[in-house]
Amino acid sequence: MLEGKFQNQGVEVIRMGTDDAEDADEEAFTGTDICVIATYTYNNGEVPANFVYFEENLRKQNLKGKVYGVVGSGDKGYHSDTYCFAAETFNEDFQQAGTKKGHDVLKIDNKADEKDKEALKEFVSSLTNA
């Protein structure tokens, strides 16, 4: 959904880690204008295991002059105390890397509904306008 919304805005999308986050290269953001992470939160508020290396190295990057946004999915009913913590972790990492926030962290409870789809559209517009 997110990728399609960017493409509808005329933005070229380069997807990293298409099938597995372990394929993602944290340095790939150096060649982009907009940096986006879409993640779920694992277990008790943790970054997914296959994304740990990427996350640990992201904050060490120099991404000044770039705009970022983070989308997180979670389950409020099951993990209310740690809902979307991984998304917040990536938000902090981007700030540490010197990027400009294009939109607040967008949190989606379980599967995206119509309201979430509209929020994703606004998210993409905010990032492209920033």
C-alpha atoms as a PDB file:
ATOM      1  CA  MET A   1       0.000   0.000   0.000  1.00  0.00           C
ATOM      2  CA  LEU A   2       2.708   2.448   0.996  1.00  0.00           C
ATOM      3  CA  GLU A   3       4.768   1.883  -2.122  1.00  0.00           C
ATOM      4  CA  GLY A   4       1.722   2.407  -4.339  1.00  0.00           C
ATOM      5  CA  LYS A   5       0.866   5.683  -2.625  1.00  0.00           C
ATOM      6  CA  PHE A   6       4.380   7.007  -3.309  1.00  0.00           C
ATOM      7  CA  GLN A   7       4.190   5.911  -6.927  1.00  0.00           C
ATOM      8  CA  ASN A   8       0.830   7.690  -7.270  1.00  0.00           C
ATOM      9  CA  GLN A   9       2.669  10.882  -6.213  1.00  0.00           C
ATOM     10  CA  GLY A  10       5.238  10.305  -8.970  1.00  0.00           C
ATOM     11  CA  VAL A  11       7.971   9.225  -6.571  1.00  0.00           C
ATOM     12  CA  GLU A  12      10.397   6.527  -7.682  1.00  0.00           C
ATOM     13  CA  VAL A  13      10.488   3.821  -5.031  1.00  0.00           C
ATOM     14  CA  ILE A  14      13.506   1.665  -4.286  1.00  0.00           C
ATOM     15  CA  ARG A  15      12.443  -1.150  -2.008  1.00  0.00           C
ATOM     16  CA  MET A  16      15.059  -2.724   0.225  1.00  0.00           C
ATOM     17  CA  GLY A  17      14.511  -6.054   1.880  1.00  0.00           C
ATOM     18  CA  THR A  18      11.566  -6.976  -0.315  1.00  0.00           C
ATOM     19  CA  ASP A  19      11.080 -10.444   1.130  1.00  0.00           C
ATOM     20  CA  ASP A  20      13.374 -10.340   4.107  1.00  0.00           C
ATOM     21  CA  ALA A  21      14.684  -7.384   6.092  1.00  0.00           C
ATOM     22  CA  GLU A  22      18.095  -9.081   6.248  1.00  0.00           C
ATOM     23  CA  ASP A  23      18.480  -8.094   2.585  1.00  0.00           C
ATOM     24  CA  ALA A  24      18.207  -4.398   3.502  1.00  0.00           C
ATOM     25  CA  ASP A  25      21.355  -2.288   3.394  1.00  0.00           C
ATOM     26  CA  GLU A  26      21.304   0.658   5.791  1.00  0.00           C
ATOM     27  CA  GLU A  27      23.702   2.579   3.540  1.00  0.00           C
ATOM     28  CA  ALA A  28      21.210   2.503   0.657  1.00  0.00           C
ATOM     29  CA  PHE A  29      19.515   5.580   2.144  1.00  0.00           C
ATOM     30  CA  THR A  30      22.566   7.665   1.256  1.00  0.00           C
ATOM     31  CA  GLY A  31      21.376   7.812  -2.370  1.00  0.00           C
ATOM     32  CA  THR A  32      17.776   8.818  -1.631  1.00  0.00           C
ATOM     33  CA  ASP A  33      15.876  11.981  -0.747  1.00  0.00           C
ATOM     34  CA  ILE A  34      13.166  10.330   1.357  1.00  0.00           C
ATOM     35  CA  CYS A  35      13.854   7.499   3.793  1.00  0.00           C
ATOM     36  CA  VAL A  36      10.978   5.318   4.968  1.00  0.00           C
ATOM     37  CA  ILE A  37      10.859   2.330   7.282  1.00  0.00           C
ATOM     38  CA  ALA A  38       7.750   0.186   7.624  1.00  0.00           C
ATOM     39  CA  THR A  39       8.113  -2.285  10.466  1.00  0.00           C
ATOM     40  CA  TYR A  40       6.225  -4.386  12.932  1.00  0.00           C
ATOM     41  CA  THR A  41       7.133  -4.794  16.582  1.00  0.00           C
ATOM     42  CA  TYR A  42       8.276  -8.217  17.686  1.00  0.00           C
ATOM     43  CA  ASN A  43       7.613  -9.967  20.961  1.00  0.00           C
ATOM     44  CA  ASN A  44       7.713  -7.440  23.816  1.00  0.00           C
ATOM     45  CA  GLY A  45       8.528  -4.220  21.994  1.00  0.00           C
ATOM     46  CA  GLU A  46      11.584  -5.354  20.071  1.00  0.00           C
ATOM     47  CA  VAL A  47      12.815  -4.610  16.591  1.00  0.00           C
ATOM     48  CA  PRO A  48      12.249  -7.760  14.496  1.00  0.00           C
ATOM     49  CA  ALA A  49      15.266 -10.074  14.752  1.00  0.00           C
ATOM     50  CA  ASN A  50      15.974  -9.940  11.024  1.00  0.00           C
ATOM     51  CA  PHE A  51      16.105  -6.126  11.200  1.00  0.00           C
ATOM     52  CA  VAL A  52      18.439  -5.760  14.213  1.00  0.00           C
ATOM     53  CA  TYR A  53      21.699  -5.351  12.264  1.00  0.00           C
ATOM     54  CA  PHE A  54      20.084  -2.799   9.968  1.00  0.00           C
ATOM     55  CA  GLU A  55      18.645  -0.864  12.921  1.00  0.00           C
ATOM     56  CA  GLU A  56      21.917  -0.822  14.861  1.00  0.00           C
ATOM     57  CA  ASN A  57      23.780   0.628  11.890  1.00  0.00           C
ATOM     58  CA  LEU A  58      21.124   3.065  10.721  1.00  0.00           C
ATOM     59  CA  ARG A  59      21.720   5.469  13.595  1.00  0.00           C
ATOM     60  CA  LYS A  60      25.426   5.646  12.687  1.00  0.00           C
ATOM     61  CA  GLN A  61      24.708   6.932   9.167  1.00  0.00           C
ATOM     62  CA  ASN A  62      25.023  10.580   8.147  1.00  0.00           C
ATOM     63  CA  LEU A  63      21.659  11.274   6.557  1.00  0.00           C
ATOM     64  CA  LYS A  64      21.571  15.050   6.943  1.00  0.00           C
ATOM     65  CA  GLY A  65      19.472  16.774   4.298  1.00  0.00           C
ATOM     66  CA  LYS A  66      17.118  13.812   3.905  1.00  0.00           C
ATOM     67  CA  VAL A  67      13.505  13.482   5.002  1.00  0.00           C
ATOM     68  CA  TYR A  68      12.252  10.430   6.850  1.00  0.00           C
ATOM     69  CA  GLY A  69       9.079   8.745   7.948  1.00  0.00           C
ATOM     70  CA  VAL A  70       8.284   5.588   9.894  1.00  0.00           C
ATOM     71  CA  VAL A  71       5.218   3.356   9.725  1.00  0.00           C
ATOM     72  CA  GLY A  72       4.678   0.735  12.386  1.00  0.00           C
ATOM     73  CA  SER A  73       2.143  -2.024  12.752  1.00  0.00           C
ATOM     74  CA  GLY A  74       1.231  -3.675  15.988  1.00  0.00           C
ATOM     75  CA  ASP A  75      -1.514  -5.148  18.082  1.00  0.00           C
ATOM     76  CA  LYS A  76      -2.867  -2.741  20.709  1.00  0.00           C
ATOM     77  CA  GLY A  77      -5.070  -5.379  22.281  1.00  0.00           C
ATOM     78  CA  TYR A  78      -2.312  -7.922  22.785  1.00  0.00           C
ATOM     79  CA  HIS A  79       0.712  -5.646  23.327  1.00  0.00           C
ATOM     80  CA  SER A  80      -0.736  -2.389  24.612  1.00  0.00           C
ATOM     81  CA  ASP A  81       2.368  -1.609  26.720  1.00  0.00           C
ATOM     82  CA  THR A  82       4.788  -2.078  23.827  1.00  0.00           C
ATOM     83  CA  TYR A  83       2.577  -1.093  20.891  1.00  0.00           C
ATOM     84  CA  CYS A  84       4.723  -0.095  17.882  1.00  0.00           C
ATOM     85  CA  PHE A  85       7.917   0.255  19.942  1.00  0.00           C
ATOM     86  CA  ALA A  86      10.048  -0.831  16.962  1.00  0.00           C
ATOM     87  CA  ALA A  87       8.672   2.091  14.944  1.00  0.00           C
ATOM     88  CA  GLU A  88       9.611   4.470  17.761  1.00  0.00           C
ATOM     89  CA  THR A  89      13.100   2.940  17.841  1.00  0.00           C
ATOM     90  CA  PHE A  90      13.560   3.617  14.131  1.00  0.00           C
ATOM     91  CA  ASN A  91      12.214   7.145  14.647  1.00  0.00           C
ATOM     92  CA  GLU A  92      14.986   7.762  17.202  1.00  0.00           C
ATOM     93  CA  ASP A  93      17.588   6.216  14.886  1.00  0.00           C
ATOM     94  CA  PHE A  94      16.644   8.540  12.036  1.00  0.00           C
ATOM     95  CA  GLN A  95      16.851  11.545  14.360  1.00  0.00           C
ATOM     96  CA  GLN A  96      20.296  10.415  15.482  1.00  0.00           C
ATOM     97  CA  ALA A  97      21.343  10.093  11.817  1.00  0.00           C
ATOM     98  CA  GLY A  98      20.441  13.755  11.267  1.00  0.00           C
ATOM     99  CA  THR A  99      17.383  13.330   9.052  1.00  0.00           C
ATOM    100  CA  LYS A 100      14.407  15.690   9.047  1.00  0.00           C
ATOM    101  CA  LYS A 101      11.093  14.255  10.207  1.00  0.00           C
ATOM    102  CA  GLY A 102       8.533  14.503   7.422  1.00  0.00           C
ATOM    103  CA  HIS A 103       5.641  13.083   9.459  1.00  0.00           C
ATOM    104  CA  ASP A 104       5.045  11.726  12.939  1.00  0.00           C
ATOM    105  CA  VAL A 105       5.329   7.963  13.334  1.00  0.00           C
ATOM    106  CA  LEU A 106       2.235   6.422  11.773  1.00  0.00           C
ATOM    107  CA  LYS A 107       0.945   3.510  13.832  1.00  0.00           C
ATOM    108  CA  ILE A 108      -1.446   0.955  12.404  1.00  0.00           C
ATOM    109  CA  ASP A 109      -3.285  -1.462  14.669  1.00  0.00           C
ATOM    110  CA  ASN A 110      -3.211  -4.900  13.038  1.00  0.00           C
ATOM    111  CA  LYS A 111      -4.425  -4.837   9.450  1.00  0.00           C
ATOM    112  CA  ALA A 112      -4.880  -1.452   7.758  1.00  0.00           C
ATOM    113  CA  ASP A 113      -8.509  -0.294   7.445  1.00  0.00           C
ATOM    114  CA  GLU A 114      -9.922   2.570   5.373  1.00  0.00           C
ATOM    115  CA  LYS A 115      -8.947   5.155   7.999  1.00  0.00           C
ATOM    116  CA  ASP A 116      -5.372   3.837   7.946  1.00  0.00           C
ATOM    117  CA  LYS A 117      -5.287   3.959   4.151  1.00  0.00           C
ATOM    118  CA  GLU A 118      -6.206   7.652   4.295  1.00  0.00           C
ATOM    119  CA  ALA A 119      -3.546   8.195   6.969  1.00  0.00           C
ATOM    120  CA  LEU A 120      -0.976   6.534   4.688  1.00  0.00           C
ATOM    121  CA  LYS A 121      -1.975   8.900   1.884  1.00  0.00           C
ATOM    122  CA  GLU A 122      -1.444  11.888   4.203  1.00  0.00           C
ATOM    123  CA  PHE A 123       1.857  10.375   5.396  1.00  0.00           C
ATOM    124  CA  VAL A 124       3.147  10.150   1.809  1.00  0.00           C
ATOM    125  CA  SER A 125       1.985  13.681   0.989  1.00  0.00           C
ATOM    126  CA  SER A 126       3.741  15.073   4.049  1.00  0.00           C
ATOM    127  CA  LEU A 127       6.988  13.338   3.139  1.00  0.00           C
ATOM    128  CA  THR A 128       6.933  14.397  -0.496  1.00  0.00           C
ATOM    129  CA  ASN A 129       6.079  17.996   0.452  1.00  0.00           C
ATOM    130  CA  ALA A 130       8.872  18.137   3.025  1.00  0.00           C
END
